[in-house]
């Protein structure tokens, strides 16, 4: 679990500091990491997290709650979040499964994590100049905590469902290995 946290932290920092220049590295690393450590069944969870997380950020951007530092003329006035934010969601999705399994033990753990960790990451990204907020830091912390307190239990439930589906689709073997 610490290994995955380290991987996510490095990829997150690369995206926040280098923006779109980090995206090819994150995508390449994610593909290699996926093929080395994940099964094709994990792709459901990864895609779900990337899409739902990216859509949540997109909504915040369109509501003018978060403004992203843009890195090219192509992205300026874009209707979608910057590529580096999608890369952050991808790096989160490939590294979070062991943590979600641990969080599934308790709704209280899920809420404690959801209220603190994601909001803290956004505030650090803001301090590093990757984004700005329309609200004060305290208001953003509360807003992001509320959003994450819905998303993290949702991601945990999908991960659990994905694992249960994997177990139910395995065929029993007559021969013990």
N, C-alpha and C. Protein backbone atom coordinates (compact mmCIF):
# COMPACT_ATOMS: atom_id res chain seq x y z
N UNK A 1 0.83 -1.19 0.00
CA UNK A 1 0.00 0.00 0.00
C UNK A 1 0.87 1.26 0.00
N UNK A 2 1.97 1.25 0.76
CA UNK A 2 2.87 2.41 0.78
C UNK A 2 3.54 2.60 -0.58
N UNK A 3 3.85 1.48 -1.24
CA UNK A 3 4.43 1.53 -2.58
C UNK A 3 3.48 2.27 -3.52
N UNK A 4 2.20 1.94 -3.46
CA UNK A 4 1.22 2.59 -4.32
C UNK A 4 1.07 4.07 -3.99
N UNK A 5 1.12 4.39 -2.70
CA UNK A 5 1.04 5.80 -2.29
C UNK A 5 2.24 6.58 -2.82
N UNK A 6 3.41 5.97 -2.77
CA UNK A 6 4.62 6.62 -3.31
C UNK A 6 4.49 6.83 -4.81
N UNK A 7 4.01 5.83 -5.53
CA UNK A 7 3.83 5.95 -6.98
C UNK A 7 2.86 7.10 -7.29
N UNK A 8 1.72 7.10 -6.62
CA UNK A 8 0.75 8.16 -6.88
C UNK A 8 1.33 9.52 -6.55
N UNK A 9 2.02 9.63 -5.44
CA UNK A 9 2.59 10.92 -5.03
C UNK A 9 3.58 11.47 -6.06
N UNK A 10 4.41 10.61 -6.59
CA UNK A 10 5.39 11.03 -7.60
C UNK A 10 4.68 11.47 -8.88
N UNK A 11 3.72 10.68 -9.33
CA UNK A 11 2.99 11.03 -10.56
C UNK A 11 2.16 12.29 -10.36
N UNK A 12 1.53 12.43 -9.19
CA UNK A 12 0.74 13.62 -8.89
C UNK A 12 1.63 14.86 -8.93
N UNK A 13 2.78 14.79 -8.26
CA UNK A 13 3.69 15.93 -8.22
C UNK A 13 4.18 16.29 -9.61
N UNK A 14 4.50 15.29 -10.42
CA UNK A 14 4.95 15.55 -11.79
C UNK A 14 3.87 16.30 -12.58
N UNK A 15 2.63 15.89 -12.44
CA UNK A 15 1.53 16.56 -13.16
C UNK A 15 1.31 17.98 -12.65
N UNK A 16 1.34 18.15 -11.35
CA UNK A 16 1.09 19.47 -10.78
C UNK A 16 2.21 20.45 -11.14
N UNK A 17 3.44 19.99 -11.11
CA UNK A 17 4.57 20.88 -11.37
C UNK A 17 4.81 21.08 -12.87
N UNK A 18 4.75 20.00 -13.64
CA UNK A 18 5.11 20.08 -15.06
C UNK A 18 3.91 20.13 -16.00
N UNK A 19 2.71 19.97 -15.46
CA UNK A 19 1.50 20.07 -16.29
C UNK A 19 1.48 19.04 -17.39
N UNK A 20 1.10 19.48 -18.58
CA UNK A 20 0.94 18.56 -19.71
C UNK A 20 2.24 17.90 -20.14
N UNK A 21 3.36 18.48 -19.80
CA UNK A 21 4.64 17.86 -20.14
C UNK A 21 4.80 16.52 -19.43
N UNK A 22 4.12 16.33 -18.31
CA UNK A 22 4.22 15.07 -17.55
C UNK A 22 3.26 14.01 -18.06
N UNK A 23 2.29 14.38 -18.86
CA UNK A 23 1.24 13.45 -19.28
C UNK A 23 1.79 12.23 -20.01
N UNK A 24 2.67 12.37 -21.02
CA UNK A 24 3.17 11.16 -21.68
C UNK A 24 3.88 10.20 -20.70
N UNK A 25 4.64 10.74 -19.77
CA UNK A 25 5.31 9.92 -18.77
C UNK A 25 4.29 9.18 -17.91
N UNK A 26 3.26 9.87 -17.46
CA UNK A 26 2.23 9.26 -16.60
C UNK A 26 1.49 8.17 -17.37
N UNK A 27 1.13 8.45 -18.61
CA UNK A 27 0.39 7.46 -19.41
C UNK A 27 1.27 6.23 -19.66
N UNK A 28 2.52 6.43 -20.05
CA UNK A 28 3.42 5.31 -20.28
C UNK A 28 3.62 4.50 -19.01
N UNK A 29 3.89 5.18 -17.90
CA UNK A 29 4.07 4.48 -16.63
C UNK A 29 2.80 3.72 -16.26
N UNK A 30 1.64 4.34 -16.44
CA UNK A 30 0.37 3.70 -16.08
C UNK A 30 0.11 2.44 -16.89
N UNK A 31 0.39 2.50 -18.19
CA UNK A 31 0.21 1.33 -19.04
C UNK A 31 1.15 0.21 -18.61
N UNK A 32 2.42 0.54 -18.40
CA UNK A 32 3.38 -0.48 -17.96
C UNK A 32 3.01 -1.04 -16.59
N UNK A 33 2.65 -0.18 -15.68
CA UNK A 33 2.25 -0.60 -14.34
C UNK A 33 1.01 -1.48 -14.38
N UNK A 34 0.06 -1.10 -15.22
CA UNK A 34 -1.17 -1.87 -15.34
C UNK A 34 -0.87 -3.28 -15.84
N UNK A 35 -0.08 -3.40 -16.90
CA UNK A 35 0.19 -4.72 -17.45
C UNK A 35 1.06 -5.57 -16.54
N UNK A 36 1.85 -4.94 -15.70
CA UNK A 36 2.68 -5.70 -14.76
C UNK A 36 1.92 -6.12 -13.51
N UNK A 37 1.04 -5.26 -13.01
CA UNK A 37 0.43 -5.49 -11.69
C UNK A 37 -1.07 -5.70 -11.67
N UNK A 38 -1.76 -5.49 -12.74
CA UNK A 38 -3.22 -5.54 -12.71
C UNK A 38 -3.74 -6.59 -13.69
N UNK A 39 -4.96 -6.99 -13.46
CA UNK A 39 -5.63 -7.86 -14.42
C UNK A 39 -6.58 -7.02 -15.26
N UNK A 40 -7.05 -7.60 -16.33
CA UNK A 40 -7.96 -6.89 -17.21
C UNK A 40 -9.25 -6.53 -16.47
N UNK A 41 -9.59 -7.32 -15.44
CA UNK A 41 -10.80 -7.03 -14.67
C UNK A 41 -10.67 -5.73 -13.88
N UNK A 42 -9.44 -5.33 -13.56
CA UNK A 42 -9.24 -4.07 -12.85
C UNK A 42 -9.50 -2.87 -13.74
N UNK A 43 -9.56 -3.10 -15.04
CA UNK A 43 -9.80 -1.99 -15.97
C UNK A 43 -11.15 -1.32 -15.71
N UNK A 44 -12.16 -2.09 -15.28
CA UNK A 44 -13.47 -1.50 -14.94
C UNK A 44 -13.32 -0.43 -13.88
N UNK A 45 -12.62 -0.76 -12.81
CA UNK A 45 -12.43 0.17 -11.70
C UNK A 45 -11.62 1.39 -12.15
N UNK A 46 -10.55 1.14 -12.89
CA UNK A 46 -9.69 2.24 -13.36
C UNK A 46 -10.48 3.21 -14.23
N UNK A 47 -11.20 2.68 -15.21
CA UNK A 47 -11.99 3.55 -16.09
C UNK A 47 -13.07 4.29 -15.33
N UNK A 48 -13.72 3.62 -14.40
CA UNK A 48 -14.77 4.26 -13.60
C UNK A 48 -14.20 5.44 -12.81
N UNK A 49 -13.08 5.22 -12.14
CA UNK A 49 -12.48 6.29 -11.34
C UNK A 49 -12.06 7.46 -12.21
N UNK A 50 -11.42 7.18 -13.34
CA UNK A 50 -10.96 8.26 -14.22
C UNK A 50 -12.15 9.08 -14.74
N UNK A 51 -13.18 8.40 -15.20
CA UNK A 51 -14.34 9.10 -15.78
C UNK A 51 -15.09 9.90 -14.71
N UNK A 52 -15.42 9.26 -13.58
CA UNK A 52 -16.19 9.95 -12.55
C UNK A 52 -15.38 11.09 -11.92
N UNK A 53 -14.12 10.83 -11.61
CA UNK A 53 -13.27 11.88 -11.05
C UNK A 53 -13.07 13.04 -12.00
N UNK A 54 -12.81 12.72 -13.27
CA UNK A 54 -12.64 13.76 -14.27
C UNK A 54 -13.91 14.58 -14.47
N UNK A 55 -15.06 13.92 -14.45
CA UNK A 55 -16.33 14.64 -14.59
C UNK A 55 -16.58 15.55 -13.40
N UNK A 56 -16.24 15.08 -12.20
CA UNK A 56 -16.41 15.93 -11.01
C UNK A 56 -15.56 17.19 -11.14
N UNK A 57 -14.30 17.04 -11.56
CA UNK A 57 -13.44 18.21 -11.76
C UNK A 57 -13.94 19.10 -12.88
N UNK A 58 -14.48 18.48 -13.92
CA UNK A 58 -15.04 19.26 -15.02
C UNK A 58 -16.20 20.12 -14.56
N UNK A 59 -17.05 19.55 -13.72
CA UNK A 59 -18.18 20.31 -13.19
C UNK A 59 -17.68 21.49 -12.36
N UNK A 60 -16.69 21.24 -11.51
CA UNK A 60 -16.12 22.33 -10.70
C UNK A 60 -15.52 23.42 -11.58
N UNK A 61 -14.89 23.01 -12.68
CA UNK A 61 -14.32 23.99 -13.60
C UNK A 61 -15.42 24.82 -14.27
N UNK A 62 -16.48 24.16 -14.73
CA UNK A 62 -17.56 24.88 -15.41
C UNK A 62 -18.37 25.76 -14.47
N UNK A 63 -18.39 25.40 -13.20
CA UNK A 63 -19.04 26.26 -12.21
C UNK A 63 -18.12 27.38 -11.76
N UNK A 64 -16.92 27.42 -12.34
CA UNK A 64 -15.91 28.43 -12.05
C UNK A 64 -15.44 28.38 -10.58
N UNK A 65 -15.49 27.19 -10.01
CA UNK A 65 -15.01 26.99 -8.64
C UNK A 65 -13.49 26.81 -8.66
N UNK A 66 -13.01 26.07 -9.68
CA UNK A 66 -11.57 25.83 -9.84
C UNK A 66 -11.17 26.35 -11.22
N UNK A 67 -10.07 27.09 -11.25
CA UNK A 67 -9.48 27.53 -12.51
C UNK A 67 -8.11 26.87 -12.60
N UNK A 68 -7.85 26.24 -13.73
CA UNK A 68 -6.59 25.51 -13.91
C UNK A 68 -5.59 26.37 -14.65
N UNK A 69 -4.33 26.19 -14.29
CA UNK A 69 -3.24 26.82 -15.03
C UNK A 69 -3.16 26.07 -16.36
N UNK A 70 -3.21 26.81 -17.42
CA UNK A 70 -3.20 26.17 -18.75
C UNK A 70 -1.79 26.24 -19.33
N UNK A 71 -1.48 25.25 -20.10
CA UNK A 71 -0.12 25.09 -20.60
C UNK A 71 0.02 25.28 -22.09
N UNK A 72 -1.07 25.44 -22.81
CA UNK A 72 -0.95 25.66 -24.25
C UNK A 72 -2.17 26.41 -24.74
N UNK A 73 -2.04 26.99 -25.92
CA UNK A 73 -3.17 27.71 -26.51
C UNK A 73 -4.32 26.75 -26.79
N UNK A 74 -4.00 25.47 -27.05
CA UNK A 74 -5.04 24.49 -27.33
C UNK A 74 -5.99 24.36 -26.15
N UNK A 75 -5.46 24.38 -24.95
CA UNK A 75 -6.28 24.19 -23.77
C UNK A 75 -6.98 25.46 -23.31
N UNK A 76 -6.49 26.60 -23.70
CA UNK A 76 -7.09 27.84 -23.23
C UNK A 76 -8.56 27.88 -23.64
N UNK A 77 -9.42 28.19 -22.70
CA UNK A 77 -10.86 28.23 -22.91
C UNK A 77 -11.43 26.87 -23.31
N UNK A 78 -10.76 25.82 -22.88
CA UNK A 78 -11.21 24.47 -23.19
C UNK A 78 -12.46 24.14 -22.40
N UNK A 79 -13.25 23.23 -22.94
CA UNK A 79 -14.47 22.82 -22.24
C UNK A 79 -14.22 21.60 -21.35
N UNK A 80 -13.01 21.10 -21.34
CA UNK A 80 -12.66 19.98 -20.46
C UNK A 80 -11.43 20.35 -19.63
N UNK A 81 -11.28 19.66 -18.53
CA UNK A 81 -10.13 19.91 -17.66
C UNK A 81 -8.84 19.61 -18.42
N UNK A 82 -7.74 20.18 -17.99
CA UNK A 82 -6.46 19.95 -18.68
C UNK A 82 -6.06 18.47 -18.66
N UNK A 83 -5.26 18.10 -19.64
CA UNK A 83 -4.80 16.71 -19.74
C UNK A 83 -4.10 16.25 -18.48
N UNK A 84 -3.36 17.16 -17.83
CA UNK A 84 -2.63 16.74 -16.65
C UNK A 84 -3.56 16.36 -15.50
N UNK A 85 -4.77 16.93 -15.46
CA UNK A 85 -5.74 16.52 -14.44
C UNK A 85 -6.27 15.13 -14.74
N UNK A 86 -6.50 14.83 -16.02
CA UNK A 86 -6.91 13.46 -16.38
C UNK A 86 -5.79 12.49 -16.01
N UNK A 87 -4.54 12.90 -16.20
CA UNK A 87 -3.40 12.04 -15.85
C UNK A 87 -3.33 11.81 -14.34
N UNK A 88 -3.68 12.82 -13.55
CA UNK A 88 -3.72 12.63 -12.10
C UNK A 88 -4.78 11.59 -11.75
N UNK A 89 -5.95 11.69 -12.36
CA UNK A 89 -7.00 10.71 -12.08
C UNK A 89 -6.57 9.31 -12.52
N UNK A 90 -5.86 9.22 -13.64
CA UNK A 90 -5.35 7.92 -14.09
C UNK A 90 -4.34 7.35 -13.09
N UNK A 91 -3.42 8.19 -12.63
CA UNK A 91 -2.43 7.70 -11.67
C UNK A 91 -3.08 7.32 -10.35
N UNK A 92 -4.11 8.04 -9.94
CA UNK A 92 -4.87 7.68 -8.74
C UNK A 92 -5.55 6.34 -8.95
N UNK A 93 -6.17 6.17 -10.11
CA UNK A 93 -6.93 4.95 -10.38
C UNK A 93 -6.06 3.69 -10.42
N UNK A 94 -4.86 3.81 -10.97
CA UNK A 94 -4.02 2.60 -11.05
C UNK A 94 -3.38 2.25 -9.71
N UNK A 95 -3.30 3.21 -8.82
CA UNK A 95 -2.57 2.97 -7.56
C UNK A 95 -3.47 2.80 -6.34
N UNK A 96 -4.76 3.04 -6.46
CA UNK A 96 -5.61 3.15 -5.27
C UNK A 96 -6.25 1.84 -4.81
N UNK A 97 -6.25 0.80 -5.63
CA UNK A 97 -6.99 -0.41 -5.28
C UNK A 97 -6.64 -0.99 -3.90
N UNK A 98 -5.37 -1.19 -3.55
CA UNK A 98 -5.09 -1.73 -2.21
C UNK A 98 -5.61 -0.83 -1.09
N UNK A 99 -5.56 0.46 -1.32
CA UNK A 99 -6.04 1.39 -0.31
C UNK A 99 -7.56 1.31 -0.19
N UNK A 100 -8.25 1.18 -1.33
CA UNK A 100 -9.71 1.04 -1.29
C UNK A 100 -10.10 -0.25 -0.58
N UNK A 101 -9.33 -1.31 -0.80
CA UNK A 101 -9.62 -2.57 -0.10
C UNK A 101 -9.48 -2.38 1.41
N UNK A 102 -8.47 -1.65 1.82
CA UNK A 102 -8.28 -1.38 3.24
C UNK A 102 -9.40 -0.50 3.77
N UNK A 103 -9.78 0.53 2.99
CA UNK A 103 -10.85 1.44 3.41
C UNK A 103 -12.21 0.75 3.50
N UNK A 104 -12.39 -0.32 2.74
CA UNK A 104 -13.69 -0.99 2.73
C UNK A 104 -14.04 -1.63 4.07
N UNK A 105 -13.07 -1.70 4.98
CA UNK A 105 -13.32 -2.24 6.31
C UNK A 105 -14.26 -1.37 7.12
N UNK A 106 -14.29 -0.07 6.84
CA UNK A 106 -15.07 0.84 7.67
C UNK A 106 -15.51 2.07 6.90
N UNK A 107 -16.77 2.40 7.04
CA UNK A 107 -17.28 3.63 6.43
C UNK A 107 -16.60 4.83 7.07
N UNK A 108 -16.29 4.73 8.35
CA UNK A 108 -15.63 5.85 9.05
C UNK A 108 -14.24 6.10 8.49
N UNK A 109 -13.50 5.04 8.17
CA UNK A 109 -12.19 5.21 7.54
C UNK A 109 -12.34 5.89 6.18
N UNK A 110 -13.34 5.46 5.43
CA UNK A 110 -13.58 6.06 4.11
C UNK A 110 -13.86 7.55 4.24
N UNK A 111 -14.72 7.90 5.17
CA UNK A 111 -15.07 9.32 5.34
C UNK A 111 -13.91 10.15 5.86
N UNK A 112 -13.15 9.59 6.80
CA UNK A 112 -11.99 10.31 7.32
C UNK A 112 -10.98 10.58 6.21
N UNK A 113 -10.71 9.57 5.41
CA UNK A 113 -9.80 9.75 4.27
C UNK A 113 -10.38 10.75 3.28
N UNK A 114 -11.66 10.58 2.93
CA UNK A 114 -12.29 11.41 1.91
C UNK A 114 -12.33 12.88 2.29
N UNK A 115 -12.57 13.15 3.56
CA UNK A 115 -12.69 14.54 4.00
C UNK A 115 -11.34 15.24 4.04
N UNK A 116 -10.27 14.49 4.23
CA UNK A 116 -8.97 15.13 4.42
C UNK A 116 -8.02 15.02 3.22
N UNK A 117 -7.76 13.84 2.74
CA UNK A 117 -6.68 13.64 1.77
C UNK A 117 -6.89 14.33 0.43
N UNK A 118 -8.01 14.11 -0.27
CA UNK A 118 -8.15 14.78 -1.57
C UNK A 118 -8.15 16.31 -1.47
N UNK A 119 -8.85 16.84 -0.48
CA UNK A 119 -8.89 18.30 -0.32
C UNK A 119 -7.50 18.85 -0.06
N UNK A 120 -6.72 18.14 0.73
CA UNK A 120 -5.35 18.56 1.01
C UNK A 120 -4.52 18.58 -0.27
N UNK A 121 -4.70 17.56 -1.12
CA UNK A 121 -3.97 17.51 -2.39
C UNK A 121 -4.32 18.71 -3.28
N UNK A 122 -5.59 19.06 -3.34
CA UNK A 122 -6.00 20.22 -4.14
C UNK A 122 -5.42 21.51 -3.57
N UNK A 123 -5.42 21.65 -2.26
CA UNK A 123 -4.87 22.86 -1.65
C UNK A 123 -3.36 22.97 -1.89
N UNK A 124 -2.66 21.85 -1.85
CA UNK A 124 -1.23 21.87 -2.15
C UNK A 124 -1.01 22.24 -3.62
N UNK A 125 -1.83 21.68 -4.51
CA UNK A 125 -1.72 22.01 -5.94
C UNK A 125 -1.96 23.51 -6.16
N UNK A 126 -2.89 24.07 -5.40
CA UNK A 126 -3.16 25.50 -5.50
C UNK A 126 -1.95 26.29 -5.02
N UNK A 127 -1.33 25.86 -3.93
CA UNK A 127 -0.15 26.54 -3.40
C UNK A 127 1.02 26.46 -4.38
N UNK A 128 1.08 25.38 -5.17
CA UNK A 128 2.14 25.23 -6.17
C UNK A 128 1.82 25.95 -7.47
N UNK A 129 0.65 26.60 -7.53
CA UNK A 129 0.30 27.40 -8.69
C UNK A 129 -0.37 26.65 -9.82
N UNK A 130 -0.78 25.41 -9.60
CA UNK A 130 -1.39 24.62 -10.67
C UNK A 130 -2.86 24.98 -10.88
N UNK A 131 -3.48 25.58 -9.87
CA UNK A 131 -4.89 25.93 -9.97
C UNK A 131 -5.18 27.06 -9.00
N UNK A 132 -6.32 27.66 -9.19
CA UNK A 132 -6.78 28.67 -8.23
C UNK A 132 -8.25 28.40 -7.95
N UNK A 133 -8.72 28.96 -6.84
CA UNK A 133 -10.08 28.72 -6.40
C UNK A 133 -10.87 30.02 -6.33
N UNK A 134 -12.17 29.89 -6.50
CA UNK A 134 -13.07 31.05 -6.36
C UNK A 134 -13.46 31.29 -4.92
N UNK A 135 -13.22 30.30 -4.06
CA UNK A 135 -13.58 30.40 -2.66
C UNK A 135 -12.32 30.41 -1.81
N UNK A 136 -12.49 30.70 -0.55
CA UNK A 136 -11.35 30.66 0.37
C UNK A 136 -10.87 29.22 0.53
N UNK A 137 -9.65 29.07 1.02
CA UNK A 137 -9.11 27.72 1.22
C UNK A 137 -9.98 26.89 2.17
N UNK A 138 -10.49 27.51 3.22
CA UNK A 138 -11.33 26.78 4.17
C UNK A 138 -12.63 26.31 3.50
N UNK A 139 -13.23 27.19 2.69
CA UNK A 139 -14.45 26.82 1.98
C UNK A 139 -14.18 25.72 0.95
N UNK A 140 -13.04 25.83 0.26
CA UNK A 140 -12.68 24.80 -0.72
C UNK A 140 -12.42 23.46 -0.03
N UNK A 141 -11.76 23.51 1.12
CA UNK A 141 -11.48 22.28 1.87
C UNK A 141 -12.80 21.59 2.21
N UNK A 142 -13.78 22.36 2.67
CA UNK A 142 -15.08 21.78 3.02
C UNK A 142 -15.81 21.25 1.78
N UNK A 143 -15.81 22.03 0.70
CA UNK A 143 -16.48 21.61 -0.53
C UNK A 143 -15.85 20.34 -1.10
N UNK A 144 -14.52 20.34 -1.21
CA UNK A 144 -13.83 19.16 -1.74
C UNK A 144 -14.00 17.97 -0.82
N UNK A 145 -14.03 18.20 0.47
CA UNK A 145 -14.27 17.12 1.42
C UNK A 145 -15.66 16.51 1.24
N UNK A 146 -16.66 17.36 1.01
CA UNK A 146 -18.02 16.85 0.78
C UNK A 146 -18.10 16.04 -0.51
N UNK A 147 -17.48 16.55 -1.57
CA UNK A 147 -17.49 15.83 -2.85
C UNK A 147 -16.77 14.49 -2.69
N UNK A 148 -15.61 14.52 -2.06
CA UNK A 148 -14.84 13.29 -1.87
C UNK A 148 -15.53 12.31 -0.94
N UNK A 149 -16.34 12.82 -0.01
CA UNK A 149 -17.05 11.92 0.90
C UNK A 149 -18.17 11.16 0.17
N UNK A 150 -18.48 11.58 -1.03
CA UNK A 150 -19.38 10.81 -1.89
C UNK A 150 -18.56 9.91 -2.82
N UNK A 151 -17.50 10.47 -3.41
CA UNK A 151 -16.72 9.72 -4.40
C UNK A 151 -15.94 8.55 -3.81
N UNK A 152 -15.27 8.74 -2.68
CA UNK A 152 -14.44 7.66 -2.13
C UNK A 152 -15.28 6.45 -1.73
N UNK A 153 -16.40 6.62 -1.01
CA UNK A 153 -17.23 5.43 -0.75
C UNK A 153 -17.78 4.81 -2.05
N UNK A 154 -18.08 5.65 -3.05
CA UNK A 154 -18.53 5.12 -4.33
C UNK A 154 -17.42 4.28 -4.98
N UNK A 155 -16.21 4.82 -5.02
CA UNK A 155 -15.08 4.07 -5.58
C UNK A 155 -14.84 2.78 -4.80
N UNK A 156 -14.96 2.84 -3.48
CA UNK A 156 -14.77 1.66 -2.64
C UNK A 156 -15.84 0.61 -2.95
N UNK A 157 -17.08 1.04 -3.12
CA UNK A 157 -18.16 0.11 -3.44
C UNK A 157 -17.94 -0.54 -4.81
N UNK A 158 -17.50 0.24 -5.79
CA UNK A 158 -17.25 -0.31 -7.12
C UNK A 158 -16.08 -1.29 -7.07
N UNK A 159 -15.04 -0.95 -6.30
CA UNK A 159 -13.90 -1.87 -6.15
C UNK A 159 -14.35 -3.17 -5.52
N UNK A 160 -15.17 -3.09 -4.48
CA UNK A 160 -15.67 -4.28 -3.80
C UNK A 160 -16.55 -5.11 -4.73
N UNK A 161 -17.42 -4.44 -5.46
CA UNK A 161 -18.28 -5.12 -6.43
C UNK A 161 -17.43 -5.80 -7.50
N UNK A 162 -16.40 -5.10 -7.97
CA UNK A 162 -15.50 -5.64 -8.98
C UNK A 162 -14.80 -6.90 -8.47
N UNK A 163 -14.33 -6.86 -7.22
CA UNK A 163 -13.66 -8.03 -6.64
C UNK A 163 -14.64 -9.18 -6.45
N UNK A 164 -15.87 -8.89 -5.99
CA UNK A 164 -16.87 -9.94 -5.82
C UNK A 164 -17.26 -10.55 -7.15
N UNK A 165 -17.35 -9.72 -8.19
CA UNK A 165 -17.66 -10.20 -9.52
C UNK A 165 -16.55 -11.12 -10.03
N UNK A 166 -15.33 -10.75 -9.72
CA UNK A 166 -14.17 -11.56 -10.12
C UNK A 166 -14.25 -12.94 -9.46
N UNK A 167 -14.58 -12.98 -8.18
CA UNK A 167 -14.66 -14.24 -7.44
C UNK A 167 -15.81 -15.10 -7.98
N UNK A 168 -16.95 -14.48 -8.26
CA UNK A 168 -18.11 -15.25 -8.73
C UNK A 168 -17.94 -15.77 -10.15
N UNK A 169 -17.06 -15.15 -10.94
CA UNK A 169 -16.87 -15.61 -12.32
C UNK A 169 -15.76 -16.64 -12.45
N UNK A 170 -15.02 -16.88 -11.37
CA UNK A 170 -13.98 -17.90 -11.43
C UNK A 170 -14.64 -19.27 -11.40
N UNK A 171 -14.18 -20.14 -12.31
CA UNK A 171 -14.74 -21.48 -12.39
C UNK A 171 -14.02 -22.38 -11.39
N UNK A 172 -14.79 -23.20 -10.68
CA UNK A 172 -14.14 -24.12 -9.74
C UNK A 172 -13.30 -25.14 -10.50
N UNK A 173 -12.22 -25.50 -9.92
CA UNK A 173 -11.32 -26.47 -10.53
C UNK A 173 -11.47 -27.80 -9.83
N UNK A 174 -11.45 -28.88 -10.60
CA UNK A 174 -11.51 -30.22 -10.02
C UNK A 174 -10.16 -30.68 -9.49
N UNK A 175 -9.13 -30.08 -10.01
CA UNK A 175 -7.77 -30.46 -9.62
C UNK A 175 -7.19 -29.34 -8.78
N UNK A 176 -6.69 -29.69 -7.61
CA UNK A 176 -6.04 -28.69 -6.78
C UNK A 176 -4.63 -28.45 -7.27
N UNK A 177 -4.24 -27.22 -7.26
CA UNK A 177 -2.87 -26.93 -7.72
C UNK A 177 -1.94 -26.72 -6.56
